[in-house]
Structures are given as structure tokens and as C-alpha cells.
Amino acid sequence: MTLQIDPHWLVHSVTVSKKTGEGDYNKPEYADPFTYDHVRVDMTKEYTGTGNDRTIVANATVFLFAKFTGNFPVDIDDTWLDAKLTFNGHDYLVKNWSPYSEPTSANLWSIELKVI
């Protein structure tokens, strides 16, 4: 049984521009942005470590679902790392991604992007 997603939860939109290289003074250069509608952005910070030795790993997690997200990316790979993600007028960098397949097949079901 697969977790059922209520489409009413997916109220956000984000734009993502993959990093294509670096220009003068190591300034990053990005491809044209793609807009992803019907996603969920969780602004909960994620840390690693314990006590006073904690490091922030992500400022937010972006959830994309194949069934609902417009322009759902089926080609996700490490080229997404350091992509610029814009949400609510703020720019973030994709630092990690996790794909999830349907339990009964190899079809991609959802993607989580960790951004900082």
C-alpha cells in the first residue's frame, strides 16, 4: 500500500536552475529555470551532530510527486547538486536529493530535495 497524497497539500511552486559551470571569479552560471508546481516545501531545518557540535544540513526539504507535480523530473541525478532553487523570492542551493520508487514497481514515485 502506497501513502496517499492529498493534492491539497501541494500548495507551493518552485523554480530550479541547474548549475552549468562557473564564470569569471568563480561565479556560478545556471541554465534556464524550470518551474515545478504542486510541490510541498517544508521549511524545517535539518541538523547533523549532537549537542553543541551540530551542523545545519538543510534549511528546507522540497517534496515533488510524480502524480501531481507539473514538469516532474524523471532524469534526476547528481547534476542537480548545487542547482539554484527559488522559493518565495529566496534562492537556495540543492545539496542532496533522494528518489523514491513505487513499492510494487521501479516507477519513480517522489523526489525529496534538501536545500540550504
C-alpha atoms as a PDB file:
ATOM      1  CA  MET A   1       0.000   0.000   0.000  1.00  0.00           C
ATOM      2  CA  THR A   2       1.372   3.389  -1.014  1.00  0.00           C
ATOM      3  CA  LEU A   3       0.991   6.508   1.059  1.00  0.00           C
ATOM      4  CA  GLN A   4      -1.892   8.509  -0.376  1.00  0.00           C
ATOM      5  CA  ILE A   5      -1.052  12.157  -1.016  1.00  0.00           C
ATOM      6  CA  ASP A   6      -3.818  14.726  -0.772  1.00  0.00           C
ATOM      7  CA  PRO A   7      -3.256  17.151  -3.685  1.00  0.00           C
ATOM      8  CA  HIS A   8      -4.498  19.981  -1.455  1.00  0.00           C
ATOM      9  CA  TRP A   9      -1.229  19.669   0.498  1.00  0.00           C
ATOM     10  CA  LEU A  10       0.807  20.595  -2.578  1.00  0.00           C
ATOM     11  CA  VAL A  11       0.327  24.353  -2.481  1.00  0.00           C
ATOM     12  CA  HIS A  12       3.792  25.602  -3.439  1.00  0.00           C
ATOM     13  CA  SER A  13       5.717  26.304  -6.631  1.00  0.00           C
ATOM     14  CA  VAL A  14       9.482  26.421  -7.057  1.00  0.00           C
ATOM     15  CA  THR A  15      11.874  27.158  -9.889  1.00  0.00           C
ATOM     16  CA  VAL A  16      15.067  25.182 -10.369  1.00  0.00           C
ATOM     17  CA  SER A  17      18.075  26.160 -12.483  1.00  0.00           C
ATOM     18  CA  LYS A  18      20.810  23.551 -12.867  1.00  0.00           C
ATOM     19  CA  LYS A  19      24.374  24.739 -12.494  1.00  0.00           C
ATOM     20  CA  THR A  20      26.171  24.689 -15.848  1.00  0.00           C
ATOM     21  CA  GLY A  21      29.599  25.864 -14.735  1.00  0.00           C
ATOM     22  CA  GLU A  22      31.465  28.835 -13.387  1.00  0.00           C
ATOM     23  CA  GLY A  23      32.244  32.168 -14.963  1.00  0.00           C
ATOM     24  CA  ASP A  24      34.630  34.941 -14.002  1.00  0.00           C
ATOM     25  CA  TYR A  25      35.730  34.987 -10.361  1.00  0.00           C
ATOM     26  CA  ASN A  26      34.186  31.515  -9.878  1.00  0.00           C
ATOM     27  CA  LYS A  27      30.677  32.955 -10.116  1.00  0.00           C
ATOM     28  CA  PRO A  28      28.227  30.080 -10.783  1.00  0.00           C
ATOM     29  CA  GLU A  29      26.346  30.023 -14.075  1.00  0.00           C
ATOM     30  CA  TYR A  30      22.908  28.437 -14.367  1.00  0.00           C
ATOM     31  CA  ALA A  31      20.705  27.047 -17.126  1.00  0.00           C
ATOM     32  CA  ASP A  32      17.242  28.408 -17.812  1.00  0.00           C
ATOM     33  CA  PRO A  33      14.898  27.681 -14.907  1.00  0.00           C
ATOM     34  CA  PHE A  34      12.156  25.060 -14.824  1.00  0.00           C
ATOM     35  CA  THR A  35       9.041  25.704 -12.766  1.00  0.00           C
ATOM     36  CA  TYR A  36       7.599  22.914 -10.677  1.00  0.00           C
ATOM     37  CA  ASP A  37       4.027  23.432  -9.495  1.00  0.00           C
ATOM     38  CA  HIS A  38       2.105  21.422  -6.922  1.00  0.00           C
ATOM     39  CA  VAL A  39       5.044  20.703  -4.628  1.00  0.00           C
ATOM     40  CA  ARG A  40       5.355  20.894  -0.856  1.00  0.00           C
ATOM     41  CA  VAL A  41       8.111  22.916   0.809  1.00  0.00           C
ATOM     42  CA  ASP A  42       8.840  22.075   4.450  1.00  0.00           C
ATOM     43  CA  MET A  43      10.900  24.888   5.993  1.00  0.00           C
ATOM     44  CA  THR A  44      12.061  22.724   8.919  1.00  0.00           C
ATOM     45  CA  LYS A  45      15.823  22.899   9.333  1.00  0.00           C
ATOM     46  CA  GLU A  46      17.751  19.637   9.427  1.00  0.00           C
ATOM     47  CA  TYR A  47      20.884  19.179  11.509  1.00  0.00           C
ATOM     48  CA  THR A  48      23.590  16.586  11.953  1.00  0.00           C
ATOM     49  CA  GLY A  49      25.605  16.060  15.115  1.00  0.00           C
ATOM     50  CA  THR A  50      24.675  16.364  18.779  1.00  0.00           C
ATOM     51  CA  GLY A  51      24.716  18.995  21.491  1.00  0.00           C
ATOM     52  CA  ASN A  52      26.904  21.991  20.697  1.00  0.00           C
ATOM     53  CA  ASP A  53      28.519  20.133  17.798  1.00  0.00           C
ATOM     54  CA  ARG A  54      25.581  20.434  15.382  1.00  0.00           C
ATOM     55  CA  THR A  55      25.832  21.447  11.746  1.00  0.00           C
ATOM     56  CA  ILE A  56      22.930  22.508   9.570  1.00  0.00           C
ATOM     57  CA  VAL A  57      22.427  20.101   6.668  1.00  0.00           C
ATOM     58  CA  ALA A  58      19.329  21.662   5.093  1.00  0.00           C
ATOM     59  CA  ASN A  59      17.200  24.775   5.534  1.00  0.00           C
ATOM     60  CA  ALA A  60      14.227  23.115   3.864  1.00  0.00           C
ATOM     61  CA  THR A  61      13.008  19.987   2.102  1.00  0.00           C
ATOM     62  CA  VAL A  62      11.094  20.173  -1.170  1.00  0.00           C
ATOM     63  CA  PHE A  63       8.766  17.273  -1.973  1.00  0.00           C
ATOM     64  CA  LEU A  64       7.861  16.526  -5.607  1.00  0.00           C
ATOM     65  CA  PHE A  65       5.349  13.813  -6.517  1.00  0.00           C
ATOM     66  CA  ALA A  66       5.132  12.178  -9.943  1.00  0.00           C
ATOM     67  CA  LYS A  67       1.352  12.016  -9.884  1.00  0.00           C
ATOM     68  CA  PHE A  68       0.792  15.695  -9.086  1.00  0.00           C
ATOM     69  CA  THR A  69       3.887  17.836  -9.735  1.00  0.00           C
ATOM     70  CA  GLY A  70       3.928  19.672 -13.046  1.00  0.00           C
ATOM     71  CA  ASN A  71       7.090  19.022 -15.119  1.00  0.00           C
ATOM     72  CA  PHE A  72       8.038  16.184 -12.737  1.00  0.00           C
ATOM     73  CA  PRO A  73      11.762  15.458 -13.384  1.00  0.00           C
ATOM     74  CA  VAL A  74      12.379  11.853 -14.370  1.00  0.00           C
ATOM     75  CA  ASP A  75      16.062  12.496 -15.067  1.00  0.00           C
ATOM     76  CA  ILE A  76      17.183  13.341 -11.534  1.00  0.00           C
ATOM     77  CA  ASP A  77      20.852  12.662 -10.882  1.00  0.00           C
ATOM     78  CA  ASP A  78      23.886  14.351  -9.351  1.00  0.00           C
ATOM     79  CA  THR A  79      23.721  17.168 -11.920  1.00  0.00           C
ATOM     80  CA  TRP A  80      21.005  18.559  -9.638  1.00  0.00           C
ATOM     81  CA  LEU A  81      23.551  19.167  -6.865  1.00  0.00           C
ATOM     82  CA  ASP A  82      24.245  22.900  -6.427  1.00  0.00           C
ATOM     83  CA  ALA A  83      21.258  23.769  -8.613  1.00  0.00           C
ATOM     84  CA  LYS A  84      19.618  27.062  -7.664  1.00  0.00           C
ATOM     85  CA  LEU A  85      16.111  26.606  -6.273  1.00  0.00           C
ATOM     86  CA  THR A  86      13.927  29.687  -5.795  1.00  0.00           C
ATOM     87  CA  PHE A  87      11.009  29.665  -3.371  1.00  0.00           C
ATOM     88  CA  ASN A  88       9.101  32.718  -2.112  1.00  0.00           C
ATOM     89  CA  GLY A  89      11.705  35.062  -3.578  1.00  0.00           C
ATOM     90  CA  HIS A  90      14.629  33.379  -1.792  1.00  0.00           C
ATOM     91  CA  ASP A  91      17.380  31.407  -3.505  1.00  0.00           C
ATOM     92  CA  TYR A  92      18.626  28.104  -2.117  1.00  0.00           C
ATOM     93  CA  LEU A  93      21.113  25.509  -3.333  1.00  0.00           C
ATOM     94  CA  VAL A  94      20.208  21.844  -3.735  1.00  0.00           C
ATOM     95  CA  LYS A  95      22.627  19.923  -1.521  1.00  0.00           C
ATOM     96  CA  ASN A  96      21.092  16.447  -1.600  1.00  0.00           C
ATOM     97  CA  TRP A  97      18.303  14.564  -3.328  1.00  0.00           C
ATOM     98  CA  SER A  98      16.509  11.298  -2.688  1.00  0.00           C
ATOM     99  CA  PRO A  99      14.339   9.406  -5.179  1.00  0.00           C
ATOM    100  CA  TYR A 100      11.562   7.089  -4.026  1.00  0.00           C
ATOM    101  CA  SER A 101      10.044   4.394  -6.217  1.00  0.00           C
ATOM    102  CA  GLU A 102       6.633   2.800  -6.021  1.00  0.00           C
ATOM    103  CA  PRO A 103       6.788  -0.269  -3.769  1.00  0.00           C
ATOM    104  CA  THR A 104       5.408  -2.612  -6.420  1.00  0.00           C
ATOM    105  CA  SER A 105       7.408  -1.319  -9.416  1.00  0.00           C
ATOM    106  CA  ALA A 106      10.502   0.608 -10.390  1.00  0.00           C
ATOM    107  CA  ASN A 107       8.478   3.698 -11.341  1.00  0.00           C
ATOM    108  CA  LEU A 108       9.654   6.896  -9.698  1.00  0.00           C
ATOM    109  CA  TRP A 109       7.015   7.985  -7.155  1.00  0.00           C
ATOM    110  CA  SER A 110       8.551  11.041  -5.465  1.00  0.00           C
ATOM    111  CA  ILE A 111      11.697  13.076  -5.012  1.00  0.00           C
ATOM    112  CA  GLU A 112      12.955  14.972  -1.983  1.00  0.00           C
ATOM    113  CA  LEU A 113      15.353  17.876  -2.482  1.00  0.00           C
ATOM    114  CA  LYS A 114      17.360  19.082   0.519  1.00  0.00           C
ATOM    115  CA  VAL A 115      18.242  22.749   0.118  1.00  0.00           C
ATOM    116  CA  ILE A 116      20.401  25.181   2.015  1.00  0.00           C
END
